[in-house]
PDB file of N, CA and C in Angstrom:
ATOM      1  N   MET A   1     298.318 -31.865 -69.369  1.00  0.00           N
ATOM      2  CA  MET A   1     298.074 -33.213 -68.901  1.00  0.00           C
ATOM      3  C   MET A   1     299.297 -33.755 -68.156  1.00  0.00           C
ATOM      4  N   ASN A   2     300.477 -33.448 -68.641  1.00  0.00           N
ATOM      5  CA  ASN A   2     301.704 -33.941 -68.030  1.00  0.00           C
ATOM      6  C   ASN A   2     301.876 -33.362 -66.623  1.00  0.00           C
ATOM      7  N   ARG A   3     301.570 -32.065 -66.469  1.00  0.00           N
ATOM      8  CA  ARG A   3     301.674 -31.439 -65.148  1.00  0.00           C
ATOM      9  C   ARG A   3     300.686 -32.049 -64.176  1.00  0.00           C
ATOM     10  N   PHE A   4     299.503 -32.351 -64.671  1.00  0.00           N
ATOM     11  CA  PHE A   4     298.484 -32.963 -63.827  1.00  0.00           C
ATOM     12  C   PHE A   4     298.946 -34.327 -63.327  1.00  0.00           C
ATOM     13  N   ALA A   5     299.537 -35.119 -64.186  1.00  0.00           N
ATOM     14  CA  ALA A   5     300.007 -36.452 -63.806  1.00  0.00           C
ATOM     15  C   ALA A   5     301.121 -36.360 -62.762  1.00  0.00           C
ATOM     16  N   VAL A   6     302.030 -35.399 -62.941  1.00  0.00           N
ATOM     17  CA  VAL A   6     303.116 -35.221 -61.986  1.00  0.00           C
ATOM     18  C   VAL A   6     302.567 -34.755 -60.634  1.00  0.00           C
ATOM     19  N   ALA A   7     301.635 -33.808 -60.656  1.00  0.00           N
ATOM     20  CA  ALA A   7     301.046 -33.306 -59.424  1.00  0.00           C
ATOM     21  C   ALA A   7     300.268 -34.411 -58.702  1.00  0.00           C
ATOM     22  N   LEU A   8     299.561 -35.234 -59.457  1.00  0.00           N
ATOM     23  CA  LEU A   8     298.808 -36.337 -58.871  1.00  0.00           C
ATOM     24  C   LEU A   8     299.750 -37.363 -58.232  1.00  0.00           C
ATOM     25  N   ALA A   9     300.811 -37.710 -58.924  1.00  0.00           N
ATOM     26  CA  ALA A   9     301.775 -38.671 -58.387  1.00  0.00           C
ATOM     27  C   ALA A   9     302.443 -38.127 -57.127  1.00  0.00           C
ATOM     28  N   LEU A  10     302.786 -36.851 -57.131  1.00  0.00           N
ATOM     29  CA  LEU A  10     303.406 -36.235 -55.967  1.00  0.00           C
ATOM     30  C   LEU A  10     302.441 -36.210 -54.791  1.00  0.00           C
ATOM     31  N   GLY A  11     301.195 -35.900 -55.037  1.00  0.00           N
ATOM     32  CA  GLY A  11     300.182 -35.885 -53.980  1.00  0.00           C
ATOM     33  C   GLY A  11     299.978 -37.258 -53.367  1.00  0.00           C
ATOM     34  N   ILE A  12     299.939 -38.282 -54.188  1.00  0.00           N
ATOM     35  CA  ILE A  12     299.773 -39.650 -53.686  1.00  0.00           C
ATOM     36  C   ILE A  12     300.988 -40.050 -52.865  1.00  0.00           C
ATOM     37  N   PHE A  13     302.180 -39.698 -53.340  1.00  0.00           N
ATOM     38  CA  PHE A  13     303.404 -40.013 -52.625  1.00  0.00           C
ATOM     39  C   PHE A  13     303.416 -39.348 -51.250  1.00  0.00           C
ATOM     40  N   LEU A  14     303.094 -38.069 -51.185  1.00  0.00           N
ATOM     41  CA  LEU A  14     303.104 -37.343 -49.915  1.00  0.00           C
ATOM     42  C   LEU A  14     302.040 -37.864 -48.960  1.00  0.00           C
ATOM     43  N   ALA A  15     300.889 -38.227 -49.482  1.00  0.00           N
ATOM     44  CA  ALA A  15     299.832 -38.785 -48.630  1.00  0.00           C
ATOM     45  C   ALA A  15     300.265 -40.121 -48.046  1.00  0.00           C
ATOM     46  N   GLY A  16     300.974 -40.911 -48.820  1.00  0.00           N
ATOM     47  CA  GLY A  16     301.463 -42.197 -48.334  1.00  0.00           C
ATOM     48  C   GLY A  16     302.524 -42.034 -47.275  1.00  0.00           C
ATOM     49  N   CYS A  17     303.369 -41.035 -47.405  1.00  0.00           N
ATOM     50  CA  CYS A  17     304.433 -40.812 -46.428  1.00  0.00           C
ATOM     51  C   CYS A  17     303.880 -40.345 -45.095  1.00  0.00           C
ATOM     52  N   GLN A  18     302.770 -39.671 -45.121  1.00  0.00           N
ATOM     53  CA  GLN A  18     302.188 -39.139 -43.901  1.00  0.00           C
ATOM     54  C   GLN A  18     301.701 -40.242 -42.978  1.00  0.00           C
ATOM     55  N   SER A  19     301.263 -41.358 -43.534  1.00  0.00           N
ATOM     56  CA  SER A  19     300.687 -42.410 -42.708  1.00  0.00           C
ATOM     57  C   SER A  19     301.730 -43.373 -42.164  1.00  0.00           C
ATOM     58  N   LEU A  20     302.975 -43.230 -42.562  1.00  0.00           N
ATOM     59  CA  LEU A  20     304.008 -44.146 -42.097  1.00  0.00           C
ATOM     60  C   LEU A  20     304.512 -43.754 -40.714  1.00  0.00           C
ATOM     61  N   GLU A  21     304.544 -44.717 -39.818  1.00  0.00           N
ATOM     62  CA  GLU A  21     305.118 -44.497 -38.498  1.00  0.00           C
ATOM     63  C   GLU A  21     306.583 -44.901 -38.545  1.00  0.00           C
ATOM     64  N   PRO A  22     307.404 -44.252 -37.752  1.00  0.00           N
ATOM     65  CA  PRO A  22     308.800 -44.693 -37.728  1.00  0.00           C
ATOM     66  C   PRO A  22     308.897 -46.106 -37.165  1.00  0.00           C
ATOM     67  N   GLU A  23     309.825 -46.867 -37.697  1.00  0.00           N
ATOM     68  CA  GLU A  23     310.002 -48.238 -37.244  1.00  0.00           C
ATOM     69  C   GLU A  23     310.618 -48.246 -35.848  1.00  0.00           C
ATOM     70  N   ARG A  24     310.027 -49.004 -34.963  1.00  0.00           N
ATOM     71  CA  ARG A  24     310.540 -49.089 -33.595  1.00  0.00           C
ATOM     72  C   ARG A  24     311.744 -50.022 -33.549  1.00  0.00           C
ATOM     73  N   GLN A  25     312.606 -49.751 -32.617  1.00  0.00           N
ATOM     74  CA  GLN A  25     313.752 -50.612 -32.375  1.00  0.00           C
ATOM     75  C   GLN A  25     313.580 -51.263 -31.014  1.00  0.00           C
ATOM     76  N   TRP A  26     313.901 -52.542 -30.939  1.00  0.00           N
ATOM     77  CA  TRP A  26     313.689 -53.314 -29.728  1.00  0.00           C
ATOM     78  C   TRP A  26     314.989 -53.965 -29.294  1.00  0.00           C
ATOM     79  N   TYR A  27     315.121 -54.216 -27.989  1.00  0.00           N
ATOM     80  CA  TYR A  27     316.267 -54.936 -27.454  1.00  0.00           C
ATOM     81  C   TYR A  27     315.829 -55.684 -26.202  1.00  0.00           C
ATOM     82  N   LYS A  28     316.668 -56.620 -25.794  1.00  0.00           N
ATOM     83  CA  LYS A  28     316.428 -57.325 -24.534  1.00  0.00           C
ATOM     84  C   LYS A  28     317.457 -56.828 -23.538  1.00  0.00           C
ATOM     85  N   PRO A  29     317.013 -56.390 -22.365  1.00  0.00           N
ATOM     86  CA  PRO A  29     317.948 -55.854 -21.371  1.00  0.00           C
ATOM     87  C   PRO A  29     319.052 -56.828 -20.982  1.00  0.00           C
ATOM     88  N   SER A  30     318.789 -58.128 -21.076  1.00  0.00           N
ATOM     89  CA  SER A  30     319.821 -59.105 -20.715  1.00  0.00           C
ATOM     90  C   SER A  30     320.978 -59.063 -21.708  1.00  0.00           C
ATOM     91  N   GLY A  31     320.722 -58.614 -22.934  1.00  0.00           N
ATOM     92  CA  GLY A  31     321.764 -58.504 -23.947  1.00  0.00           C
ATOM     93  C   GLY A  31     322.057 -59.800 -24.661  1.00  0.00           C
ATOM     94  N   ASP A  32     321.465 -60.910 -24.245  1.00  0.00           N
ATOM     95  CA  ASP A  32     321.706 -62.202 -24.880  1.00  0.00           C
ATOM     96  C   ASP A  32     320.567 -62.535 -25.833  1.00  0.00           C
ATOM     97  N   TYR A  33     320.666 -62.056 -27.069  1.00  0.00           N
ATOM     98  CA  TYR A  33     319.649 -62.357 -28.071  1.00  0.00           C
ATOM     99  C   TYR A  33     320.277 -62.255 -29.454  1.00  0.00           C
ATOM    100  N   SER A  34     319.606 -62.870 -30.408  1.00  0.00           N
ATOM    101  CA  SER A  34     320.087 -62.831 -31.786  1.00  0.00           C
ATOM    102  C   SER A  34     318.994 -62.242 -32.672  1.00  0.00           C
ATOM    103  N   ALA A  35     319.379 -61.902 -33.891  1.00  0.00           N
ATOM    104  CA  ALA A  35     318.411 -61.367 -34.853  1.00  0.00           C
ATOM    105  C   ALA A  35     317.346 -62.412 -35.155  1.00  0.00           C
ATOM    106  N   ALA A  36     317.749 -63.678 -35.192  1.00  0.00           N
ATOM    107  CA  ALA A  36     316.792 -64.754 -35.463  1.00  0.00           C
ATOM    108  C   ALA A  36     315.753 -64.849 -34.348  1.00  0.00           C
ATOM    109  N   GLU A  37     316.184 -64.647 -33.103  1.00  0.00           N
ATOM    110  CA  GLU A  37     315.252 -64.684 -31.970  1.00  0.00           C
ATOM    111  C   GLU A  37     314.244 -63.542 -32.073  1.00  0.00           C
ATOM    112  N   PHE A  38     314.730 -62.344 -32.440  1.00  0.00           N
ATOM    113  CA  PHE A  38     313.802 -61.225 -32.587  1.00  0.00           C
ATOM    114  C   PHE A  38     312.828 -61.479 -33.733  1.00  0.00           C
ATOM    115  N   GLU A  39     313.324 -62.008 -34.850  1.00  0.00           N
ATOM    116  CA  GLU A  39     312.439 -62.301 -35.986  1.00  0.00           C
ATOM    117  C   GLU A  39     311.361 -63.292 -35.590  1.00  0.00           C
ATOM    118  N   ARG A  40     311.727 -64.302 -34.817  1.00  0.00           N
ATOM    119  CA  ARG A  40     310.761 -65.314 -34.372  1.00  0.00           C
ATOM    120  C   ARG A  40     309.691 -64.680 -33.496  1.00  0.00           C
ATOM    121  N   ASP A  41     310.120 -63.892 -32.495  1.00  0.00           N
ATOM    122  CA  ASP A  41     309.165 -63.263 -31.590  1.00  0.00           C
ATOM    123  C   ASP A  41     308.320 -62.212 -32.310  1.00  0.00           C
ATOM    124  N   SER A  42     308.954 -61.474 -33.205  1.00  0.00           N
ATOM    125  CA  SER A  42     308.229 -60.452 -33.953  1.00  0.00           C
ATOM    126  C   SER A  42     307.163 -61.087 -34.836  1.00  0.00           C
ATOM    127  N   LYS A  43     307.507 -62.183 -35.475  1.00  0.00           N
ATOM    128  CA  LYS A  43     306.542 -62.880 -36.330  1.00  0.00           C
ATOM    129  C   LYS A  43     305.387 -63.433 -35.500  1.00  0.00           C
ATOM    130  N   ALA A  44     305.696 -63.936 -34.306  1.00  0.00           N
ATOM    131  CA  ALA A  44     304.654 -64.477 -33.433  1.00  0.00           C
ATOM    132  C   ALA A  44     303.721 -63.374 -32.925  1.00  0.00           C
ATOM    133  N   CYS A  45     304.232 -62.148 -32.823  1.00  0.00           N
ATOM    134  CA  CYS A  45     303.445 -61.033 -32.280  1.00  0.00           C
ATOM    135  C   CYS A  45     302.837 -60.147 -33.366  1.00  0.00           C
ATOM    136  N   THR A  46     302.908 -60.566 -34.609  1.00  0.00           N
ATOM    137  CA  THR A  46     302.388 -59.757 -35.713  1.00  0.00           C
ATOM    138  C   THR A  46     301.135 -60.408 -36.282  1.00  0.00           C
ATOM    139  N   LYS A  47     300.076 -59.609 -36.368  1.00  0.00           N
ATOM    140  CA  LYS A  47     298.833 -60.052 -36.999  1.00  0.00           C
ATOM    141  C   LYS A  47     298.397 -58.978 -37.979  1.00  0.00           C
ATOM    142  N   GLU A  48     298.117 -59.388 -39.194  1.00  0.00           N
ATOM    143  CA  GLU A  48     297.692 -58.477 -40.267  1.00  0.00           C
ATOM    144  C   GLU A  48     298.685 -57.329 -40.425  1.00  0.00           C
ATOM    145  N   ARG A  49     299.960 -57.643 -40.396  1.00  0.00           N
ATOM    146  CA  ARG A  49     301.070 -56.704 -40.597  1.00  0.00           C
ATOM    147  C   ARG A  49     301.135 -55.608 -39.538  1.00  0.00           C
ATOM    148  N   VAL A  50     300.555 -55.851 -38.360  1.00  0.00           N
ATOM    149  CA  VAL A  50     300.619 -54.908 -37.243  1.00  0.00           C
ATOM    150  C   VAL A  50     301.268 -55.633 -36.061  1.00  0.00           C
ATOM    151  N   VAL A  51     302.342 -55.045 -35.538  1.00  0.00           N
ATOM    152  CA  VAL A  51     303.067 -55.654 -34.425  1.00  0.00           C
ATOM    153  C   VAL A  51     302.376 -55.281 -33.111  1.00  0.00           C
ATOM    154  N   ASN A  52     302.090 -56.292 -32.305  1.00  0.00           N
ATOM    155  CA  ASN A  52     301.494 -56.085 -30.994  1.00  0.00           C
ATOM    156  C   ASN A  52     302.630 -55.825 -30.005  1.00  0.00           C
ATOM    157  N   GLU A  53     302.765 -54.579 -29.568  1.00  0.00           N
ATOM    158  CA  GLU A  53     303.870 -54.194 -28.693  1.00  0.00           C
ATOM    159  C   GLU A  53     303.802 -54.904 -27.345  1.00  0.00           C
ATOM    160  N   GLN A  54     302.612 -55.097 -26.811  1.00  0.00           N
ATOM    161  CA  GLN A  54     302.474 -55.783 -25.524  1.00  0.00           C
ATOM    162  C   GLN A  54     302.962 -57.220 -25.621  1.00  0.00           C
ATOM    163  N   CYS A  55     302.734 -57.853 -26.749  1.00  0.00           N
ATOM    164  CA  CYS A  55     303.198 -59.219 -26.958  1.00  0.00           C
ATOM    165  C   CYS A  55     304.724 -59.274 -26.936  1.00  0.00           C
ATOM    166  N   LEU A  56     305.375 -58.326 -27.624  1.00  0.00           N
ATOM    167  CA  LEU A  56     306.837 -58.293 -27.615  1.00  0.00           C
ATOM    168  C   LEU A  56     307.365 -58.053 -26.201  1.00  0.00           C
ATOM    169  N   GLN A  57     306.691 -57.191 -25.460  1.00  0.00           N
ATOM    170  CA  GLN A  57     307.114 -56.931 -24.089  1.00  0.00           C
ATOM    171  C   GLN A  57     306.966 -58.188 -23.230  1.00  0.00           C
ATOM    172  N   GLN A  58     305.947 -58.986 -23.484  1.00  0.00           N
ATOM    173  CA  GLN A  58     305.761 -60.231 -22.742  1.00  0.00           C
ATOM    174  C   GLN A  58     306.866 -61.236 -23.065  1.00  0.00           C
ATOM    175  N   HIS A  59     307.442 -61.118 -24.264  1.00  0.00           N
ATOM    176  CA  HIS A  59     308.558 -61.980 -24.649  1.00  0.00           C
ATOM    177  C   HIS A  59     309.895 -61.427 -24.146  1.00  0.00           C
ATOM    178  N   GLY A  60     309.855 -60.311 -23.415  1.00  0.00           N
ATOM    179  CA  GLY A  60     311.070 -59.768 -22.816  1.00  0.00           C
ATOM    180  C   GLY A  60     311.729 -58.644 -23.592  1.00  0.00           C
ATOM    181  N   TRP A  61     311.101 -58.174 -24.661  1.00  0.00           N
ATOM    182  CA  TRP A  61     311.672 -57.101 -25.481  1.00  0.00           C
ATOM    183  C   TRP A  61     311.253 -55.743 -24.923  1.00  0.00           C
ATOM    184  N   VAL A  62     312.151 -54.761 -25.041  1.00  0.00           N
ATOM    185  CA  VAL A  62     311.905 -53.403 -24.566  1.00  0.00           C
ATOM    186  C   VAL A  62     312.158 -52.440 -25.720  1.00  0.00           C
ATOM    187  N   SER A  63     311.258 -51.498 -25.900  1.00  0.00           N
ATOM    188  CA  SER A  63     311.424 -50.489 -26.947  1.00  0.00           C
ATOM    189  C   SER A  63     312.472 -49.472 -26.508  1.00  0.00           C
ATOM    190  N   LEU A  64     313.307 -49.062 -27.445  1.00  0.00           N
ATOM    191  CA  LEU A  64     314.296 -48.034 -27.123  1.00  0.00           C
ATOM    192  C   LEU A  64     313.598 -46.723 -26.816  1.00  0.00           C
ATOM    193  N   SER A  65     314.119 -45.958 -25.867  1.00  0.00           N
ATOM    194  CA  SER A  65     313.462 -44.712 -25.453  1.00  0.00           C
ATOM    195  C   SER A  65     313.497 -43.663 -26.551  1.00  0.00           C
ATOM    196  N   GLY A  66     314.401 -43.764 -27.486  1.00  0.00           N
ATOM    197  CA  GLY A  66     314.477 -42.801 -28.576  1.00  0.00           C
ATOM    198  C   GLY A  66     313.295 -42.865 -29.513  1.00  0.00           C
ATOM    199  N   ASP A  67     312.509 -43.946 -29.425  1.00  0.00           N
ATOM    200  CA  ASP A  67     311.337 -44.092 -30.282  1.00  0.00           C
ATOM    201  C   ASP A  67     310.145 -43.317 -29.752  1.00  0.00           C
ATOM    202  N   ARG A  68     310.221 -42.880 -28.533  1.00  0.00           N
ATOM    203  CA  ARG A  68     309.082 -42.212 -27.904  1.00  0.00           C
ATOM    204  C   ARG A  68     309.272 -40.707 -27.931  1.00  0.00           C
ATOM    205  N   VAL A  69     308.171 -40.007 -28.035  1.00  0.00           N
ATOM    206  CA  VAL A  69     308.200 -38.549 -28.010  1.00  0.00           C
ATOM    207  C   VAL A  69     308.336 -38.106 -26.557  1.00  0.00           C
ATOM    208  N   PRO A  70     309.298 -37.236 -26.247  1.00  0.00           N
ATOM    209  CA  PRO A  70     309.447 -36.798 -24.851  1.00  0.00           C
ATOM    210  C   PRO A  70     308.243 -35.990 -24.398  1.00  0.00           C
ATOM    211  N   LYS A  71     307.862 -36.181 -23.142  1.00  0.00           N
ATOM    212  CA  LYS A  71     306.728 -35.448 -22.587  1.00  0.00           C
ATOM    213  C   LYS A  71     307.150 -34.014 -22.283  1.00  0.00           C
ATOM    214  N   ARG A  72     306.211 -33.099 -22.502  1.00  0.00           N
ATOM    215  CA  ARG A  72     306.473 -31.702 -22.171  1.00  0.00           C
ATOM    216  C   ARG A  72     306.157 -31.468 -20.705  1.00  0.00           C
ATOM    217  N   LYS A  73     306.912 -30.573 -20.096  1.00  0.00           N
ATOM    218  CA  LYS A  73     306.633 -30.216 -18.712  1.00  0.00           C
ATOM    219  C   LYS A  73     305.324 -29.445 -18.650  1.00  0.00           C
ATOM    220  N   GLU A  74     304.548 -29.749 -17.635  1.00  0.00           N
ATOM    221  CA  GLU A  74     303.299 -29.017 -17.448  1.00  0.00           C
ATOM    222  C   GLU A  74     303.606 -27.709 -16.741  1.00  0.00           C
ATOM    223  N   THR A  75     303.035 -26.642 -17.253  1.00  0.00           N
ATOM    224  CA  THR A  75     303.209 -25.341 -16.616  1.00  0.00           C
ATOM    225  C   THR A  75     301.892 -24.940 -15.968  1.00  0.00           C
ATOM    226  N   PRO A  76     301.953 -24.311 -14.816  1.00  0.00           N
ATOM    227  CA  PRO A  76     300.719 -23.902 -14.156  1.00  0.00           C
ATOM    228  C   PRO A  76     300.023 -22.810 -14.972  1.00  0.00           C
ATOM    229  N   PRO A  77     298.709 -22.746 -14.885  1.00  0.00           N
ATOM    230  CA  PRO A  77     297.985 -21.722 -15.627  1.00  0.00           C
ATOM    231  C   PRO A  77     298.367 -20.319 -15.153  1.00  0.00           C
ATOM    232  N   ALA A  78     298.291 -19.389 -16.076  1.00  0.00           N
ATOM    233  CA  ALA A  78     298.635 -17.995 -15.734  1.00  0.00           C
ATOM    234  C   ALA A  78     297.672 -17.479 -14.667  1.00  0.00           C
ATOM    235  N   GLY A  79     298.213 -16.762 -13.707  1.00  0.00           N
ATOM    236  CA  GLY A  79     297.389 -16.172 -12.647  1.00  0.00           C
ATOM    237  C   GLY A  79     297.040 -17.131 -11.536  1.00  0.00           C
ATOM    238  N   SER A  80     297.625 -18.336 -11.517  1.00  0.00           N
ATOM    239  CA  SER A  80     297.294 -19.291 -10.474  1.00  0.00           C
ATOM    240  C   SER A  80     298.068 -19.050  -9.186  1.00  0.00           C
ATOM    241  N   GLY A  81     299.069 -18.172  -9.248  1.00  0.00           N
ATOM    242  CA  GLY A  81     299.847 -17.869  -8.067  1.00  0.00           C
ATOM    243  C   GLY A  81     301.014 -18.813  -7.870  1.00  0.00           C
ATOM    244  N   VAL A  82     301.098 -19.835  -8.681  1.00  0.00           N
ATOM    245  CA  VAL A  82     302.191 -20.803  -8.586  1.00  0.00           C
ATOM    246  C   VAL A  82     303.254 -20.386  -9.587  1.00  0.00           C
ATOM    247  N   THR A  83     304.441 -20.163  -9.081  1.00  0.00           N
ATOM    248  CA  THR A  83     305.534 -19.781  -9.970  1.00  0.00           C
ATOM    249  C   THR A  83     306.480 -20.959 -10.128  1.00  0.00           C
ATOM    250  N   PRO A  84     306.800 -21.282 -11.364  1.00  0.00           N
ATOM    251  CA  PRO A  84     307.749 -22.374 -11.549  1.00  0.00           C
ATOM    252  C   PRO A  84     309.118 -21.971 -11.051  1.00  0.00           C
ATOM    253  N   GLY A  85     309.746 -22.830 -10.336  1.00  0.00           N
ATOM    254  CA  GLY A  85     311.057 -22.518  -9.788  1.00  0.00           C
ATOM    255  C   GLY A  85     311.851 -23.760  -9.525  1.00  0.00           C
ATOM    256  N   ARG A  86     312.931 -23.586  -8.887  1.00  0.00           N
ATOM    257  CA  ARG A  86     313.813 -24.702  -8.620  1.00  0.00           C
ATOM    258  C   ARG A  86     313.297 -25.567  -7.476  1.00  0.00           C
ATOM    259  N   TYR A  87     312.654 -24.979  -6.511  1.00  0.00           N
ATOM    260  CA  TYR A  87     312.220 -25.722  -5.333  1.00  0.00           C
ATOM    261  C   TYR A  87     310.721 -25.817  -5.273  1.00  0.00           C
TER     262      TYR A  87
END
């Protein structure tokens, strides 16, 4: 019974961790902002504990590029005759 309880708790913990998104970081390109200003705008753009990114962008906030997954380069299909190169 004890092993079952531990396995169940571990499974619930891992399932919960899977659904968490990394927290985004925001800044204003002008550089003139305070934590209180971000809290105000963030609160105004949050509904049901979900932050509306477009709303923050309308308030002048920009997401740091490190929060985004880099795009992979597209490679031509094999046998297409196009060889990837420098030029």
